[in-house]
Amino acid sequence: MKNVLALALIVAAALFIFGCAENKEEKKKKELDAGYLRIIGKAYLEEDRLEEAEDTYQSLLDLAPDDASGYANLALVFMKQNNFKEAEAKIKQALKKAPENPDIRMISAKYFELTHQPDLAISELNGIIEKNPGYAKAIYTLAGIYENSEHQNALANREKYLKLSIEKAPGNIVPRLDLIILLLKKGDYDAATAQLEELPKIFPEFPKEAKEFYSKSLAALHAANGIGAISAVLSFQNFMKVTAHYQSDLRNLEGPNGILAGLSVVSLSDFNMMHAQTDESILDRIRFLDVSANMGLNSSPENGATSTVGDLKSGAFALGDSDGDGYVDVYFSVLSSQKNTTRGQLLQNHRGVWFEEQNKEAGFNHAGQETDALFGDFDNDGNLDLYVVKDGPNALYKNDGKGAFTNLAAKAKVDDPEAGIKSLFLDADHDGDLDLLVTRPGPALLYRNNADGTFTEVAAAMGLALTNATGAAFADFDEDGDLDIFMANAAGPGTLFTNDRHGKFSDITASSGLKNTGAANTVVAADYNNDGFTDLLLLSNTPGKASLFKNRGDGSF
């Protein structure tokens, strides 16, 4: 009996040891699998592959239900999908697992910011700073919230937290440049000069494009030329933004905002960040490869169309995320030689891998020759609608968010029967919704959005009824906080309209340096020299002739 008992004890001990070993192996495998899922999930999230990121993080939580980071990153996915209800739930679960984790608290602050609860965002960030005084991300994020805040002490608080960011991250150039601009706008030139003179200690060798504007900044400050100093510093900052050094510093300070919105200038992979030279412009390393055919963009249209996206001869072209999946879709039309009409096509972008026609599902049913198209959310429902300009009447397609479009042009009163040329969605009256500008051989049209699904034509009343307008572009050319409009003209020089607010625009072409632009059919507004001011490129009716007008920084060219 004793022998049997002893044998039983030996067997039990052996099974216990074997079970422990097996549990250790299983635990190790689970940890490895969880680590892999975290890496893959992060990659999907940074690439905006949100469905895959969601699936990956859910798999992580199935494997490791106590993993706080899984809940937190899943909250980020839902925030990027504008699913704030689910995001809030995941944030609460993450904080339950790790209530003091500052990174999760940062995501919570971002949630409050995106859901228009700035006081709660500020409170959350202050709580992080109180428990983690050296946490520069929270400090810099708080400075950013105060930049757009209507709080009576917003400017003072922004200055306070920018200075604290510099104190906690003295080698980071980003908050120092922000502080310099703030000090210049305050008129504190001595303090701005002192901060500017610190920059070479942080960044010993500026890129060649930035050196000129750094010198101009100091010269303007020494001459007490505040306006000149602001212009030069903004140009200097813009050139610095495209350096690997600046982008690295920005990544070190950004909280979830960097993941949610992307970098304002360029997004770098970790590989590029590691291999870039600190004085090398990212723009010098960008390369492009034509992948149109591989992605399905060169397939021949049906019904006798004579052109393709890759060889577009006639029609309209527009880019926009029509289905809200985070990927840019393509609308284009080409001329049918058989029917003498253009046929519109919507190509759905499948996660940046390939495009698929959605014409039948979309329901486009207009006829005529198109000259322009553009996406814009005219009814503020979160879905990009489509406006098509053609030889009359024009079409306005409301997007139902499920892939179907309905032409509401007549109901919305934007079905102009005359042939049009170009259209722009813009908030001309700054009331929070998109108005619509249409150029044509006759007087231009400005449809003011009534916020009820209809528009009222007010071009003449607003001073914008220019005849023979072809291309058009808008921007805040004079940096006064509102949108101005430039219209190219087929018969002569273009016209620059400054926004006077209160529903009025004034023609300031004569004093703007643009009175001799000549006839043009296309205009593009962009900051070609990265100095912070919007310039103008005009393409003439004469093939091969173009004119580039540099913005001086005050709205003149």
Protein backbone atom coordinates (compact mmCIF):
# COMPACT_ATOMS: atom_id res chain seq x y z
CA MET A 1 0.00 0.00 0.00
CA LYS A 2 2.86 2.34 0.84
CA ASN A 3 4.48 1.58 -2.52
CA VAL A 4 1.26 2.39 -4.37
CA LEU A 5 0.91 5.68 -2.48
CA ALA A 6 4.51 6.62 -3.22
CA LEU A 7 4.05 5.84 -6.90
CA ALA A 8 0.91 7.98 -7.00
CA LEU A 9 2.79 10.89 -5.44
CA ILE A 10 5.61 10.55 -7.98
CA VAL A 11 3.16 10.49 -10.90
CA ALA A 12 1.28 13.52 -9.52
CA ALA A 13 4.52 15.45 -9.10
CA ALA A 14 5.60 14.58 -12.63
CA LEU A 15 2.26 15.71 -14.04
CA PHE A 16 2.49 18.97 -12.06
CA ILE A 17 5.99 19.66 -13.38
CA PHE A 18 4.89 18.82 -16.94
CA GLY A 19 1.84 21.05 -16.57
CA CYS A 20 3.95 23.94 -15.32
CA ALA A 21 6.32 23.54 -18.25
CA GLU A 22 3.41 23.40 -20.66
CA ASN A 23 1.85 26.51 -19.08
CA LYS A 24 5.14 28.37 -19.42
CA GLU A 25 5.37 27.44 -23.08
CA GLU A 26 1.79 28.48 -23.71
CA LYS A 27 2.33 31.75 -21.87
CA LYS A 28 5.48 32.46 -23.84
CA LYS A 29 3.69 31.75 -27.12
CA LYS A 30 0.80 34.01 -26.14
CA GLU A 31 3.22 36.80 -25.28
CA LEU A 32 4.96 36.43 -28.63
CA ASP A 33 1.65 36.37 -30.49
CA ALA A 34 0.43 39.42 -28.58
CA GLY A 35 3.63 41.30 -29.37
CA TYR A 36 3.26 40.49 -33.04
CA LEU A 37 -0.35 41.70 -33.05
CA ARG A 38 0.66 44.98 -31.38
CA ILE A 39 3.26 45.61 -34.09
CA ILE A 40 0.90 44.74 -36.95
CA GLY A 41 -1.95 46.75 -35.43
CA LYS A 42 0.25 49.82 -35.09
CA ALA A 43 1.35 49.51 -38.72
CA TYR A 44 -2.25 49.23 -39.93
CA LEU A 45 -3.29 52.20 -37.79
CA GLU A 46 -0.49 54.43 -39.06
CA GLU A 47 -1.33 53.49 -42.66
CA ASP A 48 -5.05 54.23 -42.12
CA ARG A 49 -5.97 50.62 -42.86
CA LEU A 50 -8.66 50.90 -40.25
CA GLU A 51 -10.66 47.72 -40.79
CA GLU A 52 -7.50 45.64 -40.58
CA ALA A 53 -6.34 47.60 -37.53
CA GLU A 54 -9.69 47.01 -35.83
CA ASP A 55 -9.56 43.26 -36.55
CA THR A 56 -5.96 43.04 -35.34
CA TYR A 57 -6.57 44.83 -32.06
CA GLN A 58 -9.71 42.78 -31.45
CA SER A 59 -7.63 39.63 -31.96
CA LEU A 60 -5.12 41.02 -29.48
CA LEU A 61 -7.84 41.52 -26.89
CA ASP A 62 -9.22 38.02 -27.50
CA LEU A 63 -5.73 36.72 -26.77
CA ALA A 64 -4.90 39.13 -23.95
CA PRO A 65 -8.12 40.59 -22.50
CA ASP A 66 -6.20 42.57 -19.87
CA ASP A 67 -4.03 44.41 -22.41
CA ALA A 68 -4.76 48.10 -21.83
CA SER A 69 -2.92 49.16 -24.99
CA GLY A 70 -5.26 47.04 -27.09
CA TYR A 71 -8.30 48.92 -25.81
CA ALA A 72 -6.53 52.27 -26.19
CA ASN A 73 -5.45 51.68 -29.76
CA LEU A 74 -8.85 50.29 -30.66
CA ALA A 75 -10.25 53.58 -29.35
CA LEU A 76 -7.95 55.41 -31.77
CA VAL A 77 -9.28 53.30 -34.63
CA PHE A 78 -12.86 54.18 -33.74
CA MET A 79 -11.96 57.86 -33.40
CA LYS A 80 -10.52 57.85 -36.91
CA GLN A 81 -13.77 56.26 -38.09
CA ASN A 82 -15.76 59.02 -36.33
CA ASN A 83 -17.34 56.31 -34.16
CA PHE A 84 -16.99 58.24 -30.93
CA LYS A 85 -19.47 56.13 -28.97
CA GLU A 86 -17.32 53.01 -29.38
CA ALA A 87 -14.16 55.05 -28.86
CA GLU A 88 -15.43 56.30 -25.50
CA ALA A 89 -16.25 52.75 -24.40
CA LYS A 90 -12.77 51.48 -25.29
CA ILE A 91 -11.09 54.41 -23.54
CA LYS A 92 -13.01 53.61 -20.36
CA GLN A 93 -11.97 49.96 -20.60
CA ALA A 94 -8.34 50.95 -21.16
CA LEU A 95 -8.35 53.31 -18.17
CA LYS A 96 -9.92 50.60 -16.02
CA LYS A 97 -6.92 48.39 -16.81
CA ALA A 98 -4.30 51.17 -16.48
CA PRO A 99 -5.81 54.26 -14.83
CA GLU A 100 -2.53 56.17 -14.50
CA ASN A 101 -1.08 55.47 -17.94
CA PRO A 102 -0.30 58.91 -19.46
CA ASP A 103 -0.51 57.70 -23.06
CA ILE A 104 -4.04 56.41 -22.52
CA ARG A 105 -4.93 59.65 -20.76
CA MET A 106 -3.64 61.47 -23.86
CA ILE A 107 -6.06 59.49 -26.01
CA SER A 108 -8.83 60.41 -23.58
CA ALA A 109 -7.89 64.09 -23.94
CA LYS A 110 -7.96 63.78 -27.72
CA TYR A 111 -11.42 62.21 -27.49
CA PHE A 112 -12.67 65.21 -25.50
CA GLU A 113 -11.07 67.60 -27.98
CA LEU A 114 -12.64 65.91 -31.01
CA THR A 115 -16.07 65.80 -29.37
CA HIS A 116 -15.94 69.55 -28.67
CA GLN A 117 -15.37 69.28 -24.93
CA PRO A 118 -12.25 71.47 -24.58
CA ASP A 119 -12.62 72.02 -20.84
CA LEU A 120 -12.54 68.27 -20.21
CA ALA A 121 -9.57 67.91 -22.57
CA ILE A 122 -7.70 70.63 -20.67
CA SER A 123 -8.58 69.02 -17.35
CA GLU A 124 -7.33 65.63 -18.55
CA LEU A 125 -4.05 67.10 -19.80
CA ASN A 126 -3.51 69.05 -16.59
CA GLY A 127 -4.04 65.82 -14.67
CA ILE A 128 -1.35 64.11 -16.76
CA ILE A 129 1.09 66.98 -16.18
CA GLU A 130 0.39 67.03 -12.45
CA LYS A 131 1.35 63.36 -12.10
CA ASN A 132 4.02 63.41 -14.83
CA PRO A 133 5.63 66.89 -14.73
CA GLY A 134 8.16 66.04 -17.42
CA TYR A 135 5.68 64.60 -19.93
CA ALA A 136 6.35 66.97 -22.82
CA LYS A 137 3.66 65.50 -25.10
CA ALA A 138 0.89 66.56 -22.74
CA ILE A 139 2.41 70.00 -22.26
CA TYR A 140 2.76 70.68 -25.98
CA THR A 141 -0.72 69.31 -26.71
CA LEU A 142 -2.15 71.66 -24.09
CA ALA A 143 -0.38 74.58 -25.78
CA GLY A 144 -2.02 73.51 -29.05
CA ILE A 145 -5.51 73.43 -27.53
CA TYR A 146 -5.09 76.98 -26.26
CA GLU A 147 -4.07 78.11 -29.75
CA ASN A 148 -7.64 77.58 -30.98
CA SER A 149 -9.39 78.31 -27.70
CA GLU A 150 -11.79 81.20 -27.08
CA HIS A 151 -10.79 81.28 -23.41
CA GLN A 152 -9.99 84.82 -22.25
CA ASN A 153 -6.51 83.76 -21.13
CA ALA A 154 -5.85 81.51 -24.10
CA LEU A 155 -2.88 83.47 -25.46
CA ALA A 156 -1.19 83.70 -22.07
CA ASN A 157 -1.77 80.00 -21.42
CA ARG A 158 -0.41 79.03 -24.84
CA GLU A 159 2.73 81.05 -24.15
CA LYS A 160 3.03 79.46 -20.71
CA TYR A 161 2.85 75.90 -22.02
CA LEU A 162 5.11 76.56 -25.01
CA LYS A 163 7.76 77.84 -22.60
CA LEU A 164 7.20 74.80 -20.40
CA SER A 165 7.55 72.55 -23.47
CA ILE A 166 10.91 74.16 -24.18
CA GLU A 167 11.95 73.68 -20.57
CA LYS A 168 11.08 69.97 -20.64
CA ALA A 169 12.42 69.37 -24.17
CA PRO A 170 15.16 72.00 -24.62
CA GLY A 171 16.60 70.31 -27.70
CA ASN A 172 13.29 70.26 -29.58
CA ILE A 173 12.99 72.94 -32.25
CA VAL A 174 9.21 72.70 -32.74
CA PRO A 175 7.87 74.51 -29.64
CA ARG A 176 10.63 77.11 -29.87
CA LEU A 177 9.56 78.10 -33.39
CA ASP A 178 5.92 78.23 -32.28
CA LEU A 179 6.89 80.46 -29.37
CA ILE A 180 8.89 82.81 -31.61
CA ILE A 181 5.85 83.34 -33.84
CA LEU A 182 3.62 83.95 -30.82
CA LEU A 183 6.07 86.49 -29.37
CA LEU A 184 6.29 88.31 -32.70
CA LYS A 185 2.51 88.56 -32.93
CA LYS A 186 2.50 89.96 -29.38
CA GLY A 187 5.11 92.53 -30.35
CA ASP A 188 7.68 91.19 -27.87
CA TYR A 189 10.61 91.49 -30.29
CA ASP A 190 13.38 91.22 -27.69
CA ALA A 191 12.11 87.89 -26.39
CA ALA A 192 11.58 86.64 -29.95
CA THR A 193 15.14 87.62 -30.87
CA ALA A 194 16.53 85.79 -27.84
CA GLN A 195 14.67 82.61 -28.79
CA LEU A 196 15.69 82.92 -32.44
CA GLU A 197 19.35 83.21 -31.50
CA GLU A 198 19.08 79.94 -29.58
CA LEU A 199 18.14 77.96 -32.69
CA PRO A 200 21.68 77.42 -34.08
CA LYS A 201 22.62 75.76 -30.78
CA ILE A 202 19.85 73.21 -31.33
CA PHE A 203 20.15 72.89 -35.09
CA PRO A 204 23.80 73.68 -35.97
CA GLU A 205 23.37 73.63 -39.76
CA PHE A 206 20.15 74.87 -41.34
CA PRO A 207 19.13 73.61 -44.81
CA LYS A 208 20.30 75.99 -47.51
CA GLU A 209 16.72 77.00 -48.32
CA ALA A 210 16.15 78.09 -44.70
CA LYS A 211 19.40 80.00 -44.10
CA GLU A 212 18.28 83.02 -46.10
CA PHE A 213 15.07 83.42 -44.12
CA TYR A 214 16.82 82.93 -40.79
CA SER A 215 19.13 85.84 -41.64
CA LYS A 216 16.17 87.91 -42.83
CA SER A 217 14.34 87.18 -39.57
CA LEU A 218 17.19 88.48 -37.43
CA ALA A 219 17.74 91.50 -39.67
CA ALA A 220 14.06 92.44 -39.50
CA LEU A 221 14.01 92.07 -35.71
CA HIS A 222 17.12 94.20 -35.28
CA ALA A 223 15.39 96.83 -37.42
CA ALA A 224 12.19 96.55 -35.33
CA ASN A 225 10.32 95.47 -38.47
CA GLY A 226 7.71 93.22 -36.92
CA ILE A 227 5.74 92.47 -40.10
CA GLY A 228 8.91 91.60 -42.00
CA ALA A 229 10.10 89.42 -39.13
CA ILE A 230 6.85 87.43 -38.99
CA SER A 231 6.94 86.84 -42.75
CA ALA A 232 10.58 85.70 -42.65
CA VAL A 233 10.10 83.44 -39.60
CA LEU A 234 7.06 81.77 -41.16
CA SER A 235 9.08 81.08 -44.30
CA PHE A 236 11.96 79.76 -42.19
CA GLN A 237 9.58 77.49 -40.27
CA ASN A 238 8.04 76.12 -43.47
CA PHE A 239 11.45 75.17 -44.86
CA MET A 240 12.37 73.55 -41.56
CA LYS A 241 9.17 71.50 -41.55
CA VAL A 242 10.36 69.34 -44.44
CA THR A 243 13.58 68.30 -42.71
CA ALA A 244 13.91 64.94 -40.98
CA HIS A 245 15.10 66.74 -37.83
CA TYR A 246 11.92 68.81 -37.52
CA GLN A 247 9.67 65.85 -38.30
CA SER A 248 11.45 63.75 -35.70
CA ASP A 249 11.04 66.49 -33.11
CA LEU A 250 7.37 66.79 -34.01
CA ARG A 251 6.81 63.06 -33.60
CA ASN A 252 8.41 63.22 -30.16
CA LEU A 253 5.92 65.87 -29.05
CA GLU A 254 2.71 64.82 -30.73
CA GLY A 255 0.15 62.81 -28.88
CA PRO A 256 -2.64 60.86 -30.59
CA ASN A 257 -3.24 63.88 -32.84
CA GLY A 258 -0.27 62.85 -34.95
CA ILE A 259 -1.79 59.42 -35.56
CA LEU A 260 -5.30 60.72 -36.09
CA ALA A 261 -4.62 63.52 -38.51
CA GLY A 262 -1.21 62.80 -39.98
CA LEU A 263 1.65 65.26 -40.15
CA SER A 264 0.75 68.57 -41.72
CA VAL A 265 3.66 68.53 -44.14
CA VAL A 266 4.73 64.94 -44.74
CA SER A 267 4.47 61.63 -42.93
CA LEU A 268 7.68 59.64 -42.52
CA SER A 269 8.18 55.97 -41.91
CA ASP A 270 10.56 54.92 -39.17
CA PHE A 271 12.90 53.60 -41.87
CA ASN A 272 13.10 56.96 -43.60
CA MET A 273 13.60 58.72 -40.30
CA MET A 274 16.54 56.48 -39.45
CA HIS A 275 18.26 56.83 -42.81
CA ALA A 276 17.65 60.51 -43.55
CA GLN A 277 20.47 62.99 -43.18
CA THR A 278 19.49 65.71 -40.72
CA ASP A 279 20.29 68.48 -43.21
CA GLU A 280 18.62 66.76 -46.16
CA SER A 281 15.21 67.90 -47.33
CA ILE A 282 12.60 65.17 -47.51
CA LEU A 283 11.52 66.68 -50.82
CA ASP A 284 14.90 65.71 -52.29
CA ARG A 285 14.23 62.03 -51.51
CA ILE A 286 10.65 61.69 -52.76
CA ARG A 287 10.28 59.44 -55.80
CA PHE A 288 7.17 58.60 -57.83
CA LEU A 289 6.31 55.47 -59.80
CA ASP A 290 3.46 55.16 -62.31
CA VAL A 291 1.21 52.36 -61.01
CA SER A 292 -1.97 53.35 -62.87
CA ALA A 293 -2.28 50.13 -64.85
CA ASN A 294 -1.61 47.89 -61.85
CA MET A 295 -4.32 49.65 -59.83
CA GLY A 296 -7.00 49.41 -62.52
CA LEU A 297 -6.95 53.05 -63.56
CA ASN A 298 -6.27 52.42 -67.24
CA SER A 299 -9.17 50.12 -68.04
CA SER A 300 -11.10 51.15 -71.15
CA PRO A 301 -14.47 52.79 -70.43
CA GLU A 302 -17.57 51.27 -71.95
CA ASN A 303 -20.05 52.62 -74.49
CA GLY A 304 -17.57 53.89 -77.03
CA ALA A 305 -15.61 56.30 -74.85
CA THR A 306 -12.42 57.35 -76.55
CA SER A 307 -10.21 58.12 -73.55
CA THR A 308 -9.16 56.63 -70.24
CA VAL A 309 -8.02 58.03 -66.93
CA GLY A 310 -4.47 57.51 -68.06
CA ASP A 311 -5.11 59.33 -71.37
CA LEU A 312 -7.83 61.86 -70.55
CA LYS A 313 -8.70 64.04 -73.53
CA SER A 314 -12.04 65.55 -72.58
CA GLY A 315 -14.36 65.68 -69.62
CA ALA A 316 -14.10 66.12 -65.87
CA PHE A 317 -11.97 64.75 -63.05
CA ALA A 318 -12.42 64.83 -59.28
CA LEU A 319 -10.86 63.18 -56.24
CA GLY A 320 -12.59 62.48 -52.93
CA ASP A 321 -13.34 59.80 -50.35
CA SER A 322 -16.87 59.19 -51.58
CA ASP A 323 -17.53 56.15 -49.39
CA GLY A 324 -15.89 57.38 -46.19
CA ASP A 325 -13.45 54.49 -45.87
CA GLY A 326 -10.36 56.69 -45.62
CA TYR A 327 -9.19 56.11 -49.20
CA VAL A 328 -9.45 58.63 -52.05
CA ASP A 329 -11.80 57.59 -54.84
CA VAL A 330 -11.85 58.89 -58.42
CA TYR A 331 -14.64 60.40 -60.50
CA PHE A 332 -13.86 61.03 -64.16
CA SER A 333 -15.65 61.37 -67.45
CA VAL A 334 -14.50 60.88 -71.02
CA LEU A 335 -15.95 61.73 -74.39
CA SER A 336 -18.03 59.17 -76.27
CA SER A 337 -17.49 59.58 -80.00
CA GLN A 338 -20.68 57.64 -80.74
CA LYS A 339 -23.06 59.73 -78.63
CA ASN A 340 -21.14 63.04 -78.48
CA THR A 341 -21.58 63.03 -74.73
CA THR A 342 -19.36 62.39 -71.74
CA ARG A 343 -19.87 59.38 -69.53
CA GLY A 344 -19.08 59.74 -65.84
CA GLN A 345 -17.42 56.95 -63.92
CA LEU A 346 -16.80 56.45 -60.22
CA LEU A 347 -13.82 54.29 -59.32
CA GLN A 348 -13.81 53.03 -55.74
CA ASN A 349 -10.42 52.82 -54.09
CA HIS A 350 -9.95 49.48 -52.34
CA ARG A 351 -7.49 50.29 -49.55
CA GLY A 352 -4.95 51.82 -51.90
CA VAL A 353 -4.45 48.52 -53.72
CA TRP A 354 -6.85 48.65 -56.69
CA PHE A 355 -9.84 50.57 -58.11
CA GLU A 356 -13.24 49.21 -59.11
CA GLU A 357 -16.00 50.81 -61.17
CA GLN A 358 -19.15 51.68 -59.19
CA ASN A 359 -21.20 53.30 -61.96
CA LYS A 360 -24.32 51.16 -61.62
CA GLU A 361 -24.34 51.45 -57.84
CA ALA A 362 -23.67 55.20 -57.94
CA GLY A 363 -26.62 55.95 -60.20
CA PHE A 364 -25.23 58.80 -62.31
CA ASN A 365 -27.89 59.55 -64.93
CA HIS A 366 -27.10 62.93 -66.47
CA ALA A 367 -26.24 63.56 -70.13
CA GLY A 368 -24.19 66.20 -71.90
CA GLN A 369 -20.55 67.15 -72.21
CA GLU A 370 -18.88 67.71 -68.85
CA THR A 371 -16.20 70.31 -68.24
CA ASP A 372 -15.63 70.02 -64.49
CA ALA A 373 -16.55 68.04 -61.39
CA LEU A 374 -15.75 68.30 -57.71
CA PHE A 375 -16.57 66.61 -54.43
CA GLY A 376 -17.84 68.56 -51.43
CA ASP A 377 -20.17 68.01 -48.48
CA PHE A 378 -22.77 70.68 -49.25
CA ASP A 379 -25.29 69.50 -46.63
CA ASN A 380 -22.82 68.82 -43.80
CA ASP A 381 -23.95 65.22 -43.32
CA GLY A 382 -20.40 63.84 -43.40
CA ASN A 383 -20.66 62.40 -46.93
CA LEU A 384 -18.94 63.91 -49.95
CA ASP A 385 -21.47 64.96 -52.58
CA LEU A 386 -20.61 65.56 -56.25
CA TYR A 387 -21.22 68.60 -58.45
CA VAL A 388 -20.86 68.21 -62.23
CA VAL A 389 -20.51 71.17 -64.60
CA LYS A 390 -21.53 70.59 -68.20
CA ASP A 391 -23.28 72.13 -71.18
CA GLY A 392 -26.39 72.58 -69.05
CA PRO A 393 -28.11 71.91 -66.81
CA ASN A 394 -25.48 71.12 -64.18
CA ALA A 395 -25.92 68.20 -61.77
CA LEU A 396 -25.66 68.06 -57.97
CA TYR A 397 -25.51 64.49 -56.66
CA LYS A 398 -26.27 63.93 -52.99
CA ASN A 399 -24.29 61.05 -51.50
CA ASP A 400 -26.33 58.79 -49.20
CA GLY A 401 -23.16 57.38 -47.63
CA LYS A 402 -23.93 53.89 -48.93
CA GLY A 403 -22.61 54.26 -52.46
CA ALA A 404 -25.70 55.75 -54.13
CA PHE A 405 -26.01 59.30 -55.50
CA THR A 406 -29.21 61.25 -56.29
CA ASN A 407 -29.30 64.30 -58.56
CA LEU A 408 -30.89 67.13 -56.55
CA ALA A 409 -29.71 70.03 -58.72
CA ALA A 410 -33.22 71.23 -59.59
CA LYS A 411 -34.46 70.96 -56.01
CA ALA A 412 -31.33 72.70 -54.71
CA LYS A 413 -31.66 75.41 -57.41
CA VAL A 414 -28.15 74.95 -58.81
CA ASP A 415 -29.17 73.53 -62.21
CA ASP A 416 -27.97 76.43 -64.34
CA PRO A 417 -29.11 75.74 -67.95
CA GLU A 418 -26.17 77.54 -69.55
CA ALA A 419 -22.87 75.85 -70.31
CA GLY A 420 -20.44 76.11 -67.42
CA ILE A 421 -16.67 75.90 -67.21
CA LYS A 422 -15.39 75.55 -63.64
CA SER A 423 -16.83 75.16 -60.14
CA LEU A 424 -15.55 75.59 -56.61
CA PHE A 425 -16.98 74.68 -53.23
CA LEU A 426 -15.97 77.31 -50.66
CA ASP A 427 -17.40 78.97 -47.59
CA ALA A 428 -17.58 82.43 -49.15
CA ASP A 429 -19.64 83.98 -46.34
CA HIS A 430 -17.93 82.14 -43.47
CA ASP A 431 -21.15 80.77 -42.03
CA GLY A 432 -19.96 77.18 -41.69
CA ASP A 433 -21.35 75.58 -44.85
CA LEU A 434 -20.13 75.27 -48.43
CA ASP A 435 -21.24 77.76 -51.05
CA LEU A 436 -20.77 77.10 -54.77
CA LEU A 437 -19.02 79.24 -57.40
CA VAL A 438 -19.56 78.45 -61.10
CA THR A 439 -17.68 80.20 -63.91
CA ARG A 440 -19.06 80.37 -67.44
CA PRO A 441 -19.01 82.54 -70.59
CA GLY A 442 -21.83 84.61 -69.07
CA PRO A 443 -21.65 86.21 -65.60
CA ALA A 444 -20.21 83.93 -62.93
CA LEU A 445 -22.63 82.43 -60.42
CA LEU A 446 -22.25 82.32 -56.64
CA TYR A 447 -24.76 80.04 -54.98
CA ARG A 448 -25.07 80.81 -51.27
CA ASN A 449 -25.91 77.76 -49.17
CA ASN A 450 -29.20 78.23 -47.29
CA ALA A 451 -28.35 75.32 -44.94
CA ASP A 452 -31.64 73.60 -45.82
CA GLY A 453 -30.57 71.72 -48.95
CA THR A 454 -31.14 74.71 -51.25
CA PHE A 455 -29.03 77.58 -52.58
CA THR A 456 -29.64 81.21 -53.55
CA GLU A 457 -27.71 82.80 -56.43
CA VAL A 458 -26.08 86.03 -55.15
CA ALA A 459 -23.05 86.67 -57.39
CA ALA A 460 -24.14 90.15 -58.48
CA ALA A 461 -25.05 91.17 -54.93
CA MET A 462 -21.67 89.96 -53.65
CA GLY A 463 -19.73 91.64 -56.47
CA LEU A 464 -18.60 88.43 -58.16
CA ALA A 465 -20.59 88.33 -61.43
CA LEU A 466 -17.52 88.41 -63.68
CA THR A 467 -18.15 87.67 -67.37
CA ASN A 468 -15.95 85.26 -69.38
CA ALA A 469 -14.39 83.79 -66.24
CA THR A 470 -12.68 80.48 -66.90
CA GLY A 471 -10.64 79.03 -64.06
CA ALA A 472 -11.01 80.16 -60.46
CA ALA A 473 -9.16 79.65 -57.19
CA PHE A 474 -9.64 80.75 -53.61
CA ALA A 475 -7.29 81.31 -50.68
CA ASP A 476 -6.63 83.82 -47.95
CA PHE A 477 -4.23 85.73 -50.18
CA ASP A 478 -3.89 88.72 -47.83
CA GLU A 479 -3.71 86.68 -44.60
CA ASP A 480 -6.62 88.53 -42.99
CA GLY A 481 -8.57 85.43 -41.97
CA ASP A 482 -11.10 85.16 -44.80
CA LEU A 483 -11.24 83.60 -48.25
CA ASP A 484 -10.46 85.73 -51.31
CA ILE A 485 -11.14 84.69 -54.91
CA PHE A 486 -9.15 84.97 -58.13
CA MET A 487 -10.88 84.36 -61.47
CA ALA A 488 -8.97 83.87 -64.69
CA ASN A 489 -10.53 85.35 -67.81
CA ALA A 490 -10.67 84.03 -71.35
CA ALA A 491 -10.79 87.52 -72.87
CA GLY A 492 -8.22 89.43 -70.82
CA PRO A 493 -6.51 89.82 -67.43
CA GLY A 494 -7.86 87.96 -64.44
CA THR A 495 -9.55 89.56 -61.45
CA LEU A 496 -8.67 89.36 -57.75
CA PHE A 497 -11.57 89.82 -55.34
CA THR A 498 -10.86 90.50 -51.68
CA ASN A 499 -13.41 89.37 -49.13
CA ASP A 500 -14.89 92.38 -47.30
CA ARG A 501 -17.06 90.11 -45.13
CA HIS A 502 -20.78 90.84 -44.69
CA GLY A 503 -21.46 89.21 -48.06
CA LYS A 504 -19.37 91.57 -50.18
CA PHE A 505 -16.25 91.23 -52.33
CA SER A 506 -14.20 94.06 -53.88
CA ASP A 507 -12.12 94.05 -57.05
CA ILE A 508 -8.56 94.95 -56.01
CA THR A 509 -6.81 93.79 -59.17
CA ALA A 510 -5.35 97.23 -59.97
CA SER A 511 -3.44 97.45 -56.68
CA SER A 512 -2.54 93.77 -56.42
CA GLY A 513 0.08 93.53 -59.16
CA LEU A 514 -2.19 91.26 -61.22
CA LYS A 515 -3.70 93.76 -63.66
CA ASN A 516 -1.54 92.53 -66.54
CA THR A 517 -1.91 88.78 -66.15
CA GLY A 518 -3.28 88.32 -69.65
CA ALA A 519 -5.93 85.86 -70.78
CA ALA A 520 -5.85 82.44 -69.14
CA ASN A 521 -8.01 79.36 -68.93
CA THR A 522 -6.64 77.76 -65.76
CA VAL A 523 -5.44 79.09 -62.42
CA VAL A 524 -3.86 77.21 -59.52
CA ALA A 525 -3.39 78.66 -56.03
CA ALA A 526 -0.54 77.11 -54.02
CA ASP A 527 2.50 78.04 -51.96
CA TYR A 528 5.18 77.16 -54.54
CA ASN A 529 8.15 78.51 -52.53
CA ASN A 530 6.98 77.33 -49.10
CA ASP A 531 7.10 80.82 -47.55
CA GLY A 532 3.65 80.52 -45.98
CA PHE A 533 1.80 82.65 -48.54
CA THR A 534 -0.42 81.47 -51.39
CA ASP A 535 0.91 82.18 -54.88
CA LEU A 536 -0.82 81.97 -58.27
CA LEU A 537 0.01 80.01 -61.41
CA LEU A 538 -1.90 80.96 -64.56
CA LEU A 539 -1.95 78.82 -67.70
CA SER A 540 -2.45 80.82 -70.86
CA ASN A 541 -4.66 80.00 -73.81
CA THR A 542 -1.40 79.84 -75.75
CA PRO A 543 0.06 76.33 -75.45
CA GLY A 544 3.24 76.20 -73.41
CA LYS A 545 2.82 79.64 -71.86
CA ALA A 546 2.36 80.03 -68.11
CA SER A 547 2.74 82.86 -65.60
CA LEU A 548 3.76 82.45 -61.95
CA PHE A 549 2.91 85.25 -59.51
CA LYS A 550 4.64 85.32 -56.12
CA ASN A 551 2.64 86.56 -53.15
CA ARG A 552 4.56 89.27 -51.30
CA GLY A 553 2.83 88.32 -48.07
CA ASP A 554 0.31 91.15 -48.01
CA GLY A 555 -2.00 90.01 -50.80
CA SER A 556 -0.08 91.74 -53.58
CA PHE A 557 1.93 89.89 -56.23
